[in-house]
Amino acid sequence: MTTPLPERTLLPGPPYGYVRDALRELLVIERAAPDASTAVAPVPAQLTDLADQWVKAAHTCVADMGSATQRDRWQALVTDVDTRQGAPTSAGTDVPALCAALRTLLLTMLEYSRYEPPVTGIADYLRSRIADGTLPPGSLLGARRITAELCLAPVSAVRVKLALADLQAEGLVEANRTGIRVTGAPEGRTERSVQVAQWLRTLIREGVYPPGSALPRVTDLPRPLVTPRPVISSAMALLDDEGTVRSGVGGRAIVVQDPGFAVAAPLDLTTVDRRLALAGWAGSDTSPQRVRETCRRARGWWNHRVTPAPGRVPHTHRTLISMAAHLIPAAHAHHQTPQAEATMRRAAVTALAPQPACANTQLWRTACLAAAVLELQELAGDAA
């Protein structure tokens, strides 16, 4: 069912022509006012009368407004005029400042007197479209686009912005760095995509992908994250929405300079193997064949959603940590490119990160560590 467009109406208040005439009168007063060098002077009686008249008219309009955001905005404009008019200095009132405040109020009243849908009508229209699924969770709500959709005059985009502010106060929409969106995870952004986004955020926080660096392409991430590409795409979109990353060249997302949280210095690859050795099993078999067998088993558990016997996952995880401790020095000796070092740091962070309480997430993290250890083995080559 199509949501009907909000009805246009003339709101209670001064007619458009009256407000326009008041603006002209104000212009005449401003031209006769003192220059900026002598701006502080006794306020003309004509300006005082004009301000009093339109402040009263604004109060009358505010009393009829159904939009809380619009009321607050108007009240702030009225207060600004009252403050300018009622705060004289020893020489009088700052006439240009009072004129500027009154002009802003009159321009707002001029827009208010247009034959357009009210703020409450626009908000109701958007609520209906959110409720019937036309605007699903995650939908971007651009004020300009909505203004064009409703066939409003460009100047009336302010009504759309006020309606969106009302919806934000109700929790129906939320604002972030990319704009205003309908609250909730977009369709297809399942718990898994949120989980993957959280892990990518952790890798950024731990300096694996510092601000300004590029994340791997979505097509390159299914193997290290042991996750299907559509889920990764959805997780990357979540990070883009919240402003942690932005789209880059060649399909690679770039970490923004200020992702909204503290970012640690990248791990020192020359000493991290000592930390890993302490967290792993002393004397673990790190032969190439044993590494491949352990990694294949860990990834198989996750891919087939097998529930291992109690204690098997923690034991395998610590074994993989020992393997990472053995392989990182060898891999670092052969490869010191930014991409290779990011792979080594990802493996180290995955190994050292606290194990989650959820058994299912533990299984996935262990599979991710297994994938990272296999990448380390490839980097180390014969030295493994």
Protein backbone atom coordinates (compact mmCIF):
# COMPACT_ATOMS: atom_id res chain seq x y z
CA MET A 1 0.00 0.00 0.00
CA THR A 2 1.34 3.43 -0.96
CA THR A 3 1.61 5.93 1.87
CA PRO A 4 -0.25 9.13 0.88
CA LEU A 5 1.82 12.29 0.78
CA PRO A 6 1.25 14.68 3.70
CA GLU A 7 -1.34 17.36 3.01
CA ARG A 8 -0.31 20.93 2.34
CA THR A 9 -1.88 23.45 4.65
CA LEU A 10 -1.66 27.06 5.76
CA LEU A 11 -0.57 26.99 9.36
CA PRO A 12 -2.10 29.34 11.96
CA GLY A 13 -0.03 32.49 12.12
CA PRO A 14 0.71 35.69 10.20
CA PRO A 15 0.14 35.47 6.41
CA TYR A 16 3.15 35.23 4.14
CA GLY A 17 2.67 38.77 2.83
CA TYR A 18 2.63 40.28 6.32
CA VAL A 19 5.91 38.62 7.23
CA ARG A 20 7.48 39.74 3.97
CA ASP A 21 6.39 43.34 4.68
CA ALA A 22 7.97 43.10 8.15
CA LEU A 23 11.26 42.04 6.58
CA ARG A 24 11.14 45.06 4.29
CA GLU A 25 10.45 47.33 7.26
CA LEU A 26 13.38 45.81 9.11
CA LEU A 27 15.63 46.48 6.13
CA VAL A 28 14.68 50.17 6.20
CA ILE A 29 15.48 50.33 9.92
CA GLU A 30 18.86 48.63 9.37
CA ARG A 31 19.83 51.11 6.66
CA ALA A 32 19.11 53.98 9.01
CA ALA A 33 20.98 52.34 11.90
CA PRO A 34 24.48 53.53 13.00
CA ASP A 35 27.56 52.17 11.27
CA ALA A 36 29.37 49.22 12.77
CA SER A 37 31.88 51.54 14.42
CA THR A 38 29.07 53.15 16.39
CA ALA A 39 26.80 50.10 16.58
CA VAL A 40 26.09 50.52 20.29
CA ALA A 41 23.43 53.24 20.38
CA PRO A 42 19.94 53.87 21.67
CA VAL A 43 17.57 51.44 19.99
CA PRO A 44 15.08 53.12 17.62
CA ALA A 45 11.50 53.01 18.85
CA GLN A 46 10.43 51.64 15.48
CA LEU A 47 12.73 48.62 15.93
CA THR A 48 11.49 48.02 19.47
CA ASP A 49 7.86 48.06 18.29
CA LEU A 50 8.65 45.71 15.40
CA ALA A 51 10.49 43.27 17.66
CA ASP A 52 7.71 43.26 20.27
CA GLN A 53 5.06 42.68 17.61
CA TRP A 54 6.77 39.70 16.02
CA VAL A 55 7.98 38.12 19.24
CA LYS A 56 4.32 38.00 20.34
CA ALA A 57 3.32 36.54 16.98
CA ALA A 58 6.05 33.90 17.30
CA HIS A 59 4.83 32.92 20.78
CA THR A 60 1.35 32.41 19.33
CA CYS A 61 2.75 30.12 16.61
CA VAL A 62 4.80 28.12 19.11
CA ALA A 63 1.68 27.41 21.16
CA ASP A 64 0.10 25.64 18.15
CA MET A 65 3.13 23.54 17.15
CA GLY A 66 2.93 19.78 17.49
CA SER A 67 6.63 19.24 16.86
CA ALA A 68 8.76 19.40 20.00
CA THR A 69 11.93 20.04 17.99
CA GLN A 70 10.27 22.89 16.11
CA ARG A 71 9.02 24.45 19.35
CA ASP A 72 12.51 24.32 20.84
CA ARG A 73 14.00 25.92 17.73
CA TRP A 74 11.50 28.75 17.71
CA GLN A 75 11.84 29.33 21.42
CA ALA A 76 15.60 29.71 20.98
CA LEU A 77 15.06 32.29 18.21
CA VAL A 78 12.57 34.26 20.34
CA THR A 79 14.94 34.17 23.31
CA ASP A 80 17.75 35.49 21.14
CA VAL A 81 15.66 38.51 20.14
CA ASP A 82 14.56 39.13 23.74
CA THR A 83 18.15 38.86 24.95
CA ARG A 84 19.45 41.33 22.34
CA GLN A 85 16.66 43.75 23.12
CA GLY A 86 16.84 43.50 26.90
CA ALA A 87 20.61 43.63 27.43
CA PRO A 88 21.64 47.27 26.79
CA THR A 89 25.13 48.51 27.47
CA SER A 90 26.01 51.87 28.98
CA ALA A 91 25.55 53.47 25.58
CA GLY A 92 22.43 51.55 24.51
CA THR A 93 21.58 48.39 22.58
CA ASP A 94 23.67 46.63 19.92
CA VAL A 95 21.28 47.54 17.10
CA PRO A 96 22.86 45.43 14.27
CA ALA A 97 22.87 42.36 16.50
CA LEU A 98 19.21 42.90 17.39
CA CYS A 99 18.35 43.38 13.72
CA ALA A 100 20.17 40.18 12.79
CA ALA A 101 18.33 38.18 15.47
CA LEU A 102 14.97 39.60 14.42
CA ARG A 103 15.71 38.92 10.75
CA THR A 104 16.44 35.27 11.52
CA LEU A 105 13.15 34.99 13.38
CA LEU A 106 11.23 36.65 10.55
CA LEU A 107 12.84 34.44 7.88
CA THR A 108 11.85 31.39 9.93
CA MET A 109 8.29 32.72 10.16
CA LEU A 110 8.32 33.39 6.41
CA GLU A 111 9.09 29.72 5.72
CA TYR A 112 6.50 28.70 8.32
CA SER A 113 3.79 30.66 6.48
CA ARG A 114 4.33 28.77 3.20
CA TYR A 115 1.62 26.49 1.83
CA GLU A 116 3.50 23.27 2.65
CA PRO A 117 2.95 20.16 4.81
CA PRO A 118 3.64 20.85 8.50
CA VAL A 119 6.54 19.22 10.36
CA THR A 120 4.12 16.87 12.13
CA GLY A 121 2.65 15.79 8.79
CA ILE A 122 6.10 15.00 7.38
CA ALA A 123 7.00 13.07 10.53
CA ASP A 124 3.74 11.05 10.30
CA TYR A 125 4.49 10.28 6.64
CA LEU A 126 7.96 8.97 7.49
CA ARG A 127 6.62 6.99 10.46
CA SER A 128 4.12 5.25 8.19
CA ARG A 129 6.80 4.36 5.65
CA ILE A 130 9.01 2.93 8.41
CA ALA A 131 6.09 0.97 9.87
CA ASP A 132 4.99 -0.59 6.55
CA GLY A 133 8.55 -1.58 5.64
CA THR A 134 8.94 0.86 2.75
CA LEU A 135 11.86 2.30 4.71
CA PRO A 136 13.45 -0.81 6.26
CA PRO A 137 16.06 -0.69 9.03
CA GLY A 138 19.29 0.88 7.83
CA SER A 139 17.64 3.02 5.15
CA LEU A 140 19.41 6.35 4.61
CA LEU A 141 17.07 9.33 5.09
CA GLY A 142 18.49 12.32 3.24
CA ALA A 143 16.70 15.60 3.86
CA ARG A 144 17.18 16.72 0.25
CA ARG A 145 15.84 13.48 -1.17
CA ILE A 146 12.78 13.55 1.09
CA THR A 147 12.20 17.21 0.21
CA ALA A 148 12.19 16.33 -3.49
CA GLU A 149 10.00 13.28 -2.88
CA LEU A 150 7.39 15.46 -1.16
CA CYS A 151 7.71 18.14 -3.89
CA LEU A 152 8.57 20.78 -1.29
CA ALA A 153 10.31 24.04 -2.00
CA PRO A 154 14.05 23.73 -1.28
CA VAL A 155 13.74 26.26 1.56
CA SER A 156 11.27 23.93 3.28
CA ALA A 157 13.94 21.24 3.67
CA VAL A 158 14.18 22.65 7.20
CA ARG A 159 10.78 21.06 7.90
CA VAL A 160 12.13 17.68 6.88
CA LYS A 161 15.15 18.12 9.15
CA LEU A 162 12.89 19.03 12.09
CA ALA A 163 10.69 15.99 11.38
CA LEU A 164 13.78 13.75 11.34
CA ALA A 165 14.90 15.29 14.64
CA ASP A 166 11.50 14.40 16.13
CA LEU A 167 11.85 10.81 14.90
CA GLN A 168 15.37 10.65 16.30
CA ALA A 169 14.05 11.71 19.72
CA GLU A 170 11.55 8.85 19.45
CA GLY A 171 14.31 6.37 18.59
CA LEU A 172 12.93 5.59 15.12
CA VAL A 173 16.01 6.96 13.35
CA GLU A 174 19.60 7.47 14.38
CA ALA A 175 22.33 9.81 13.22
CA ASN A 176 25.93 8.82 12.53
CA ARG A 177 28.79 10.13 10.41
CA THR A 178 27.18 8.93 7.19
CA GLY A 179 23.81 10.58 7.79
CA ILE A 180 20.46 9.68 9.33
CA ARG A 181 19.22 6.11 9.01
CA VAL A 182 16.26 4.09 10.17
CA THR A 183 17.15 2.42 13.45
CA GLY A 184 18.08 -1.26 13.33
CA ALA A 185 20.32 -3.52 11.34
CA PRO A 186 19.59 -3.52 7.60
CA GLU A 187 18.06 -6.62 6.06
CA GLY A 188 20.66 -9.34 5.77
CA ARG A 189 22.81 -7.93 8.56
CA THR A 190 22.47 -10.92 10.80
CA GLU A 191 24.07 -11.67 14.12
CA ARG A 192 26.99 -13.20 12.21
CA SER A 193 27.66 -10.01 10.26
CA VAL A 194 27.55 -8.01 13.51
CA GLN A 195 29.99 -10.52 15.01
CA VAL A 196 32.37 -10.22 12.04
CA ALA A 197 32.13 -6.41 12.16
CA GLN A 198 33.03 -6.50 15.85
CA TRP A 199 36.09 -8.64 15.16
CA LEU A 200 37.25 -6.37 12.33
CA ARG A 201 36.81 -3.45 14.73
CA THR A 202 39.04 -5.28 17.22
CA LEU A 203 41.73 -5.78 14.58
CA ILE A 204 41.60 -2.05 13.85
CA ARG A 205 41.74 -1.20 17.55
CA GLU A 206 44.78 -3.43 18.05
CA GLY A 207 46.72 -1.75 15.25
CA VAL A 208 46.54 -4.53 12.67
CA TYR A 209 44.84 -2.06 10.35
CA PRO A 210 45.73 1.39 11.73
CA PRO A 211 44.00 4.65 10.68
CA GLY A 212 44.71 5.47 7.06
CA SER A 213 45.47 1.88 6.10
CA ALA A 214 43.42 -0.29 3.77
CA LEU A 215 41.60 -3.41 4.86
CA PRO A 216 41.88 -6.48 2.61
CA ARG A 217 39.35 -6.70 -0.20
CA VAL A 218 36.07 -8.37 0.65
CA THR A 219 36.99 -11.08 -1.86
CA ASP A 220 40.19 -11.79 0.10
CA LEU A 221 38.57 -12.05 3.55
CA PRO A 222 36.44 -15.25 3.41
CA ARG A 223 39.48 -17.46 3.99
CA PRO A 224 41.05 -15.64 6.99
CA LEU A 225 37.65 -15.01 8.58
CA VAL A 226 36.27 -18.46 7.68
CA THR A 227 33.07 -16.67 6.70
CA PRO A 228 31.06 -16.42 3.47
CA ARG A 229 31.56 -13.33 1.34
CA PRO A 230 27.95 -11.98 1.70
CA VAL A 231 28.32 -11.91 5.49
CA ILE A 232 31.63 -10.08 5.20
CA SER A 233 30.13 -7.56 2.76
CA SER A 234 27.34 -6.89 5.24
CA ALA A 235 29.83 -6.52 8.11
CA MET A 236 31.91 -4.09 6.05
CA ALA A 237 28.77 -2.08 5.30
CA LEU A 238 28.11 -1.84 9.03
CA LEU A 239 31.59 -0.42 9.62
CA ASP A 240 31.07 2.00 6.75
CA ASP A 241 27.71 3.12 8.16
CA GLU A 242 29.14 3.85 11.59
CA GLY A 243 32.06 5.78 10.11
CA THR A 244 34.87 3.40 11.08
CA VAL A 245 35.89 2.84 7.44
CA ARG A 246 35.13 4.50 4.13
CA SER A 247 35.05 3.10 0.62
CA GLY A 248 38.40 3.23 -1.11
CA VAL A 249 39.96 2.54 -4.49
CA GLY A 250 39.82 -0.99 -5.89
CA GLY A 251 37.12 -2.21 -3.53
CA ARG A 252 39.27 -1.81 -0.40
CA ALA A 253 37.86 -0.04 2.63
CA ILE A 254 40.11 2.58 4.26
CA VAL A 255 40.20 3.02 8.05
CA VAL A 256 39.33 6.63 8.84
CA GLN A 257 41.77 8.81 10.78
CA ASP A 258 39.39 9.04 13.74
CA PRO A 259 37.42 5.77 13.93
CA GLY A 260 35.76 6.80 17.17
CA PHE A 261 37.90 4.72 19.54
CA ALA A 262 41.51 4.52 20.68
CA VAL A 263 43.86 2.56 18.41
CA ALA A 264 46.88 0.78 19.87
CA ALA A 265 50.33 0.84 18.32
CA PRO A 266 50.96 -2.14 15.99
CA LEU A 267 52.49 -5.17 17.71
CA ASP A 268 56.28 -5.45 17.55
CA LEU A 269 56.81 -8.53 15.39
CA THR A 270 60.37 -9.01 16.70
CA THR A 271 59.19 -9.70 20.25
CA VAL A 272 55.58 -10.88 19.95
CA ASP A 273 56.65 -14.53 19.61
CA ARG A 274 57.75 -14.44 23.29
CA ARG A 275 54.27 -13.43 24.41
CA LEU A 276 52.77 -16.12 22.20
CA ALA A 277 55.13 -18.77 23.58
CA LEU A 278 53.98 -17.99 27.13
CA ALA A 279 50.32 -18.27 26.08
CA GLY A 280 50.78 -21.57 24.22
CA TRP A 281 51.90 -25.07 25.11
CA ALA A 282 55.57 -25.57 25.85
CA GLY A 283 57.09 -28.26 23.64
CA SER A 284 54.21 -28.42 21.14
CA ASP A 285 54.84 -30.25 17.88
CA THR A 286 55.18 -27.50 15.26
CA SER A 287 56.17 -29.65 12.31
CA PRO A 288 54.57 -28.66 8.97
CA GLN A 289 52.42 -31.79 8.85
CA ARG A 290 51.22 -31.30 12.43
CA VAL A 291 50.40 -27.64 11.69
CA ARG A 292 48.28 -28.61 8.67
CA GLU A 293 46.45 -31.35 10.58
CA THR A 294 45.63 -29.09 13.53
CA CYS A 295 44.44 -26.26 11.31
CA ARG A 296 42.32 -28.59 9.19
CA ARG A 297 40.65 -30.01 12.29
CA ALA A 298 39.93 -26.57 13.81
CA ARG A 299 38.45 -25.21 10.60
CA GLY A 300 36.45 -28.41 10.06
CA TRP A 301 34.79 -28.06 13.45
CA TRP A 302 33.52 -24.62 12.51
CA ASN A 303 32.64 -25.33 8.87
CA HIS A 304 30.55 -28.35 9.85
CA ARG A 305 29.37 -26.83 13.16
CA VAL A 306 30.71 -29.83 15.07
CA THR A 307 30.66 -29.67 18.87
CA PRO A 308 33.99 -31.12 20.06
CA ALA A 309 34.43 -32.89 23.37
CA PRO A 310 34.81 -30.58 26.39
CA GLY A 311 38.26 -29.04 26.57
CA ARG A 312 39.20 -29.86 22.97
CA VAL A 313 38.69 -26.31 21.64
CA PRO A 314 40.78 -24.55 24.36
CA HIS A 315 43.52 -27.18 23.98
CA THR A 316 43.60 -26.80 20.19
CA HIS A 317 43.56 -23.02 20.52
CA ARG A 318 46.65 -23.06 22.73
CA THR A 319 48.35 -25.47 20.33
CA LEU A 320 47.71 -23.06 17.48
CA ILE A 321 49.16 -20.22 19.59
CA SER A 322 52.38 -22.21 19.98
CA MET A 323 52.47 -22.77 16.22
CA ALA A 324 52.01 -19.04 15.60
CA ALA A 325 54.88 -18.31 18.01
CA HIS A 326 57.09 -20.67 15.98
CA LEU A 327 56.07 -19.39 12.54
CA ILE A 328 56.00 -15.60 12.98
CA PRO A 329 59.83 -15.15 13.34
CA ALA A 330 60.41 -17.31 10.26
CA ALA A 331 57.74 -15.49 8.25
CA HIS A 332 59.05 -12.09 9.35
CA ALA A 333 62.57 -12.97 8.28
CA HIS A 334 61.35 -13.61 4.71
CA HIS A 335 58.57 -11.06 4.29
CA GLN A 336 58.45 -7.50 5.60
CA THR A 337 55.89 -5.97 3.27
CA PRO A 338 52.93 -4.12 4.83
CA GLN A 339 50.52 -6.82 3.67
CA ALA A 340 52.62 -9.65 5.11
CA GLU A 341 53.15 -7.81 8.39
CA ALA A 342 49.40 -7.19 8.65
CA THR A 343 48.87 -10.95 8.24
CA MET A 344 51.38 -11.69 11.02
CA ARG A 345 49.84 -9.13 13.35
CA ARG A 346 46.36 -10.46 12.64
CA ALA A 347 47.55 -13.92 13.59
CA ALA A 348 49.17 -12.61 16.80
CA VAL A 349 46.11 -10.54 17.82
CA THR A 350 43.81 -13.51 17.12
CA ALA A 351 46.04 -15.70 19.26
CA LEU A 352 46.36 -13.25 22.17
CA ALA A 353 42.76 -11.98 22.27
CA PRO A 354 40.75 -13.22 25.28
CA GLN A 355 38.57 -16.16 24.38
CA PRO A 356 34.86 -15.21 24.26
CA ALA A 357 32.41 -16.77 26.69
CA CYS A 358 30.12 -18.07 23.94
CA ALA A 359 31.15 -21.60 22.87
CA ASN A 360 30.07 -20.96 19.29
CA THR A 361 32.20 -17.83 19.07
CA GLN A 362 35.14 -19.68 20.62
CA LEU A 363 34.85 -22.25 17.84
CA TRP A 364 34.84 -19.51 15.19
CA ARG A 365 37.81 -17.67 16.71
CA THR A 366 39.80 -20.89 16.83
CA ALA A 367 38.97 -21.48 13.16
CA CYS A 368 40.16 -17.92 12.38
CA LEU A 369 43.40 -18.60 14.24
CA ALA A 370 43.84 -21.83 12.28
CA ALA A 371 43.39 -19.94 9.01
CA ALA A 372 45.96 -17.35 10.16
CA VAL A 373 48.47 -20.07 11.12
CA LEU A 374 48.15 -21.61 7.64
CA GLU A 375 48.90 -18.19 6.13
CA LEU A 376 51.96 -17.91 8.38
CA GLN A 377 53.12 -21.31 7.19
CA GLU A 378 52.86 -20.17 3.59
CA LEU A 379 54.85 -17.01 4.37
CA ALA A 380 57.53 -18.94 6.25
CA GLY A 381 57.98 -21.43 3.40
CA ASP A 382 60.87 -23.85 3.84
CA ALA A 383 61.92 -22.11 7.06
CA ALA A 384 58.78 -23.51 8.75
